[in-house]
């Protein structure tokens, strides 16, 4: 008869227990729910970041999701050296944002395939995804005649500031519009000393972390969308940003009445 196994004398690490509970709470395994999330990425051309534990980061979009064939299809540029390195990695995670929801899932059997006119990543259809509600992460688009913008001093452009229009902004991030043919922004890049001017009363000094870079629209009106995280906002800047977001949301509601 096998003797009973004694319970461990040490209690598990509290943070580990919380992490397991948190993951279980946010795990999605029902195919209908997984597909509903993935279809939003396809239909909205919502950017996704493919990342690895050793620091690889590639901005892409989900072209197709096919549960019958069990495959996901992502945009891929074979000329980018990161693309080939991703196919050699054993751990690749996809992360994207649907409004106030952060969506993450692991990619298995990631391969680069070539067609007549384009190349793409193929990966197994995920059996589970994780969705996390981002607190205070609702985004607003500017309204009115004033056009919010950001002034950046890019390290690759000595003595020149870049003035970029703001597409939308939240408590945690901002999307910028780049119309020039400048290949300057990379995922993970830090942009210190940025100035965000939202209106006559709201001017924020902040560091930006580039989270994704994607092309939006078609020629000739195509532009690059630079998604950035707001880093090191002071308490006063947080308060000013909150006031601007509340005011802009109220104006949006009035315009829809």
Protein backbone atom coordinates (compact mmCIF):
# COMPACT_ATOMS: atom_id res chain seq x y z
CA UNK A 1 0.00 0.00 0.00
CA UNK A 2 1.40 3.37 -0.99
CA UNK A 3 1.85 5.63 2.02
CA UNK A 4 0.09 8.98 1.85
CA UNK A 5 2.16 11.90 0.69
CA UNK A 6 2.66 14.49 3.38
CA UNK A 7 1.68 18.04 2.51
CA UNK A 8 4.54 20.50 2.10
CA UNK A 9 5.65 22.17 5.29
CA UNK A 10 6.11 25.54 3.57
CA UNK A 11 3.24 27.60 2.24
CA UNK A 12 3.32 28.59 -1.42
CA UNK A 13 4.48 32.05 -2.31
CA UNK A 14 1.53 34.44 -2.05
CA UNK A 15 2.32 36.21 -5.30
CA UNK A 16 2.47 32.89 -7.14
CA UNK A 17 -0.94 31.90 -5.78
CA UNK A 18 -2.38 35.26 -6.82
CA UNK A 19 -0.86 34.91 -10.29
CA UNK A 20 -2.44 31.48 -10.76
CA UNK A 21 -5.81 32.74 -9.54
CA UNK A 22 -5.58 35.79 -11.76
CA UNK A 23 -4.70 33.69 -14.83
CA UNK A 24 -7.59 31.32 -14.14
CA UNK A 25 -10.03 34.21 -13.78
CA UNK A 26 -9.05 35.74 -17.12
CA UNK A 27 -8.59 32.56 -19.16
CA UNK A 28 -10.96 32.09 -22.13
CA UNK A 29 -11.30 28.54 -23.52
CA UNK A 30 -14.69 28.50 -25.24
CA UNK A 31 -14.14 28.50 -29.00
CA UNK A 32 -17.02 30.89 -29.64
CA UNK A 33 -15.49 33.45 -27.24
CA UNK A 34 -11.97 33.00 -28.60
CA UNK A 35 -13.21 33.49 -32.14
CA UNK A 36 -15.22 36.59 -31.18
CA UNK A 37 -12.04 38.20 -29.85
CA UNK A 38 -9.86 37.19 -32.81
CA UNK A 39 -12.43 38.40 -35.35
CA UNK A 40 -12.23 41.87 -33.83
CA UNK A 41 -8.50 41.93 -34.55
CA UNK A 42 -9.07 40.82 -38.15
CA UNK A 43 -12.01 43.09 -38.96
CA UNK A 44 -10.59 46.15 -37.21
CA UNK A 45 -7.02 45.63 -38.46
CA UNK A 46 -5.98 46.02 -34.83
CA UNK A 47 -2.20 45.90 -34.26
CA UNK A 48 -0.65 42.98 -32.39
CA UNK A 49 2.83 42.64 -30.91
CA UNK A 50 4.62 39.28 -31.21
CA UNK A 51 7.17 39.00 -28.41
CA UNK A 52 9.62 36.46 -26.98
CA UNK A 53 11.23 36.13 -23.53
CA UNK A 54 14.61 37.18 -24.97
CA UNK A 55 13.30 40.56 -26.11
CA UNK A 56 12.17 40.10 -29.73
CA UNK A 57 9.24 42.36 -30.59
CA UNK A 58 7.45 42.49 -33.95
CA UNK A 59 4.42 44.63 -34.82
CA UNK A 60 1.92 42.86 -37.06
CA UNK A 61 -1.80 42.39 -37.75
CA UNK A 62 -4.02 39.32 -37.91
CA UNK A 63 -5.05 38.69 -41.51
CA UNK A 64 -7.22 35.62 -40.97
CA UNK A 65 -8.48 33.23 -38.30
CA UNK A 66 -9.73 29.81 -39.41
CA UNK A 67 -10.81 27.41 -36.64
CA UNK A 68 -11.83 24.76 -39.19
CA UNK A 69 -8.27 24.55 -40.50
CA UNK A 70 -6.90 25.35 -37.07
CA UNK A 71 -4.73 28.22 -38.28
CA UNK A 72 -4.05 31.91 -37.70
CA UNK A 73 -2.47 34.07 -40.42
CA UNK A 74 -0.42 37.16 -39.53
CA UNK A 75 1.21 39.79 -41.72
CA UNK A 76 4.98 39.31 -42.03
CA UNK A 77 7.78 41.02 -43.91
CA UNK A 78 10.47 38.43 -44.79
CA UNK A 79 13.01 41.24 -45.23
CA UNK A 80 12.87 41.98 -41.50
CA UNK A 81 15.46 39.89 -39.65
CA UNK A 82 13.17 39.69 -36.60
CA UNK A 83 10.69 37.66 -38.67
CA UNK A 84 13.11 34.79 -39.19
CA UNK A 85 14.26 34.89 -35.58
CA UNK A 86 10.66 34.60 -34.39
CA UNK A 87 10.20 31.34 -36.30
CA UNK A 88 13.24 29.96 -34.49
CA UNK A 89 11.92 30.86 -31.03
CA UNK A 90 10.23 28.25 -28.84
CA UNK A 91 8.10 30.83 -27.00
CA UNK A 92 6.16 33.51 -28.86
CA UNK A 93 3.29 35.50 -27.38
CA UNK A 94 0.79 37.71 -29.19
CA UNK A 95 -0.55 40.79 -27.38
CA UNK A 96 -3.11 43.31 -28.55
CA UNK A 97 -5.68 45.76 -27.21
CA UNK A 98 -9.39 45.92 -27.94
CA UNK A 99 -10.48 49.23 -26.43
CA UNK A 100 -10.08 48.69 -22.68
CA UNK A 101 -9.30 44.96 -22.95
CA UNK A 102 -5.79 43.51 -23.21
CA UNK A 103 -5.73 40.17 -25.09
CA UNK A 104 -2.80 37.72 -24.93
CA UNK A 105 -2.23 34.22 -26.28
CA UNK A 106 0.69 31.91 -27.00
CA UNK A 107 1.61 31.05 -30.58
CA UNK A 108 2.57 27.47 -31.40
CA UNK A 109 4.19 26.11 -34.58
CA UNK A 110 4.89 29.58 -35.96
CA UNK A 111 6.11 29.30 -39.55
CA UNK A 112 6.78 31.77 -42.36
CA UNK A 113 4.96 30.95 -45.60
CA UNK A 114 5.34 32.61 -48.99
CA UNK A 115 2.60 33.31 -51.53
CA UNK A 116 2.69 34.86 -54.97
CA UNK A 117 2.27 38.42 -53.75
CA UNK A 118 2.98 38.33 -50.02
CA UNK A 119 4.45 36.38 -47.13
CA UNK A 120 2.75 35.59 -43.84
CA UNK A 121 3.12 33.91 -40.48
CA UNK A 122 0.99 30.83 -39.89
CA UNK A 123 0.38 29.52 -36.37
CA UNK A 124 -1.89 27.03 -34.64
CA UNK A 125 -5.33 28.29 -33.66
CA UNK A 126 -5.13 29.00 -29.91
CA UNK A 127 -6.93 26.72 -27.48
CA UNK A 128 -7.04 29.48 -24.90
CA UNK A 129 -6.53 33.23 -24.70
CA UNK A 130 -6.29 35.60 -21.77
CA UNK A 131 -8.24 38.83 -21.56
CA UNK A 132 -7.51 41.47 -18.96
CA UNK A 133 -9.65 44.51 -18.31
CA UNK A 134 -7.39 47.56 -18.27
CA UNK A 135 -8.46 49.89 -15.51
CA UNK A 136 -8.88 53.51 -16.56
CA UNK A 137 -7.75 52.65 -20.10
CA UNK A 138 -10.69 53.97 -22.12
CA UNK A 139 -9.50 56.03 -25.07
CA UNK A 140 -10.95 59.27 -26.39
CA UNK A 141 -10.56 60.92 -29.76
CA UNK A 142 -10.08 64.69 -29.83
CA UNK A 143 -13.10 66.81 -30.79
CA UNK A 144 -13.42 70.44 -31.76
CA UNK A 145 -11.19 72.80 -33.70
CA UNK A 146 -8.09 72.41 -31.56
CA UNK A 147 -5.82 69.60 -32.72
CA UNK A 148 -3.86 67.91 -29.92
CA UNK A 149 -0.32 67.00 -30.87
CA UNK A 150 2.94 65.69 -29.46
CA UNK A 151 6.40 67.23 -29.81
CA UNK A 152 9.22 64.69 -29.83
CA UNK A 153 12.99 65.05 -29.87
CA UNK A 154 14.01 61.84 -31.63
CA UNK A 155 17.56 60.60 -30.86
CA UNK A 156 18.19 59.90 -34.57
CA UNK A 157 17.30 63.45 -35.63
CA UNK A 158 19.71 65.89 -34.04
CA UNK A 159 18.31 69.38 -33.38
CA UNK A 160 14.95 68.62 -34.93
CA UNK A 161 11.61 68.17 -33.22
CA UNK A 162 8.88 66.01 -34.72
CA UNK A 163 5.33 67.32 -34.41
CA UNK A 164 2.83 64.44 -34.53
CA UNK A 165 -0.96 64.64 -34.43
CA UNK A 166 -2.69 62.69 -31.65
CA UNK A 167 -5.19 60.10 -32.90
CA UNK A 168 -6.49 59.10 -29.47
CA UNK A 169 -5.34 59.07 -25.86
CA UNK A 170 -6.12 57.30 -22.57
CA UNK A 171 -4.78 57.30 -19.02
CA UNK A 172 -2.05 54.88 -20.03
CA UNK A 173 -1.26 55.43 -23.70
CA UNK A 174 -1.43 57.61 -26.78
CA UNK A 175 -1.64 56.91 -30.52
CA UNK A 176 0.28 59.27 -32.81
CA UNK A 177 -0.03 59.87 -36.56
CA UNK A 178 3.15 59.97 -38.67
CA UNK A 179 2.63 61.19 -42.24
CA UNK A 180 6.29 61.50 -43.19
CA UNK A 181 8.32 58.64 -44.69
CA UNK A 182 10.49 58.31 -41.60
CA UNK A 183 11.46 54.84 -40.41
CA UNK A 184 12.40 55.98 -36.93
CA UNK A 185 10.18 54.19 -34.45
CA UNK A 186 10.79 50.68 -33.09
CA UNK A 187 8.82 48.65 -30.55
CA UNK A 188 10.29 49.04 -27.09
CA UNK A 189 12.02 52.33 -27.93
CA UNK A 190 12.01 55.00 -25.20
CA UNK A 191 11.34 58.62 -26.20
CA UNK A 192 12.17 60.93 -23.28
CA UNK A 193 11.23 64.59 -22.93
CA UNK A 194 8.08 64.39 -25.04
CA UNK A 195 5.53 67.19 -24.75
CA UNK A 196 1.84 66.40 -25.29
CA UNK A 197 -0.33 69.46 -25.91
CA UNK A 198 -4.01 68.55 -25.60
CA UNK A 199 -5.56 72.01 -25.30
CA UNK A 200 -4.67 75.50 -24.12
CA UNK A 201 -4.77 74.35 -20.49
CA UNK A 202 -3.28 70.87 -20.79
CA UNK A 203 0.40 70.39 -21.57
CA UNK A 204 2.01 67.13 -20.37
CA UNK A 205 5.73 66.39 -20.09
CA UNK A 206 6.25 62.65 -20.36
CA UNK A 207 8.45 59.80 -21.54
CA UNK A 208 6.90 57.61 -24.24
CA UNK A 209 7.56 53.91 -24.78
CA UNK A 210 6.78 52.72 -28.33
CA UNK A 211 4.48 49.67 -28.13
CA UNK A 212 3.57 49.13 -31.78
CA UNK A 213 3.97 50.69 -35.23
CA UNK A 214 1.48 49.95 -38.01
CA UNK A 215 0.29 51.33 -41.34
CA UNK A 216 -3.32 52.56 -41.41
CA UNK A 217 -5.43 53.16 -44.51
CA UNK A 218 -4.51 53.05 -48.18
CA UNK A 219 -2.42 55.28 -50.40
CA UNK A 220 -2.39 58.23 -50.80
CA UNK A 221 -3.94 58.86 -47.37
CA UNK A 222 -2.04 56.09 -45.58
CA UNK A 223 -0.22 57.00 -42.38
CA UNK A 224 1.78 55.26 -39.69
CA UNK A 225 0.14 54.81 -36.32
CA UNK A 226 2.65 54.95 -33.46
CA UNK A 227 1.14 53.43 -30.32
CA UNK A 228 2.95 54.55 -27.16
CA UNK A 229 2.72 53.94 -23.44
CA UNK A 230 2.80 56.99 -21.16
CA UNK A 231 5.71 56.61 -18.74
CA UNK A 232 6.57 58.59 -15.59
CA UNK A 233 3.54 60.89 -15.54
CA UNK A 234 3.59 63.10 -12.46
CA UNK A 235 0.60 63.30 -10.12
CA UNK A 236 -0.22 66.73 -11.52
CA UNK A 237 -0.04 65.47 -15.10
CA UNK A 238 -2.35 62.56 -14.23
CA UNK A 239 -4.86 65.03 -12.81
CA UNK A 240 -4.67 67.25 -15.90
CA UNK A 241 -5.07 64.25 -18.20
CA UNK A 242 -8.08 63.03 -16.21
CA UNK A 243 -9.72 66.45 -16.56
CA UNK A 244 -9.12 66.45 -20.32
CA UNK A 245 -10.49 62.91 -20.76
CA UNK A 246 -13.62 63.69 -18.74
CA UNK A 247 -14.21 66.94 -20.63
CA UNK A 248 -13.71 65.29 -24.04
CA UNK A 249 -16.03 62.40 -23.18
CA UNK A 250 -18.76 64.87 -22.19
CA UNK A 251 -18.37 66.68 -25.52
CA UNK A 252 -18.60 63.36 -27.39
CA UNK A 253 -21.87 62.58 -25.57
CA UNK A 254 -23.32 66.00 -26.41
CA UNK A 255 -22.49 65.54 -30.09
CA UNK A 256 -24.38 62.23 -30.18
CA UNK A 257 -27.60 63.59 -28.64
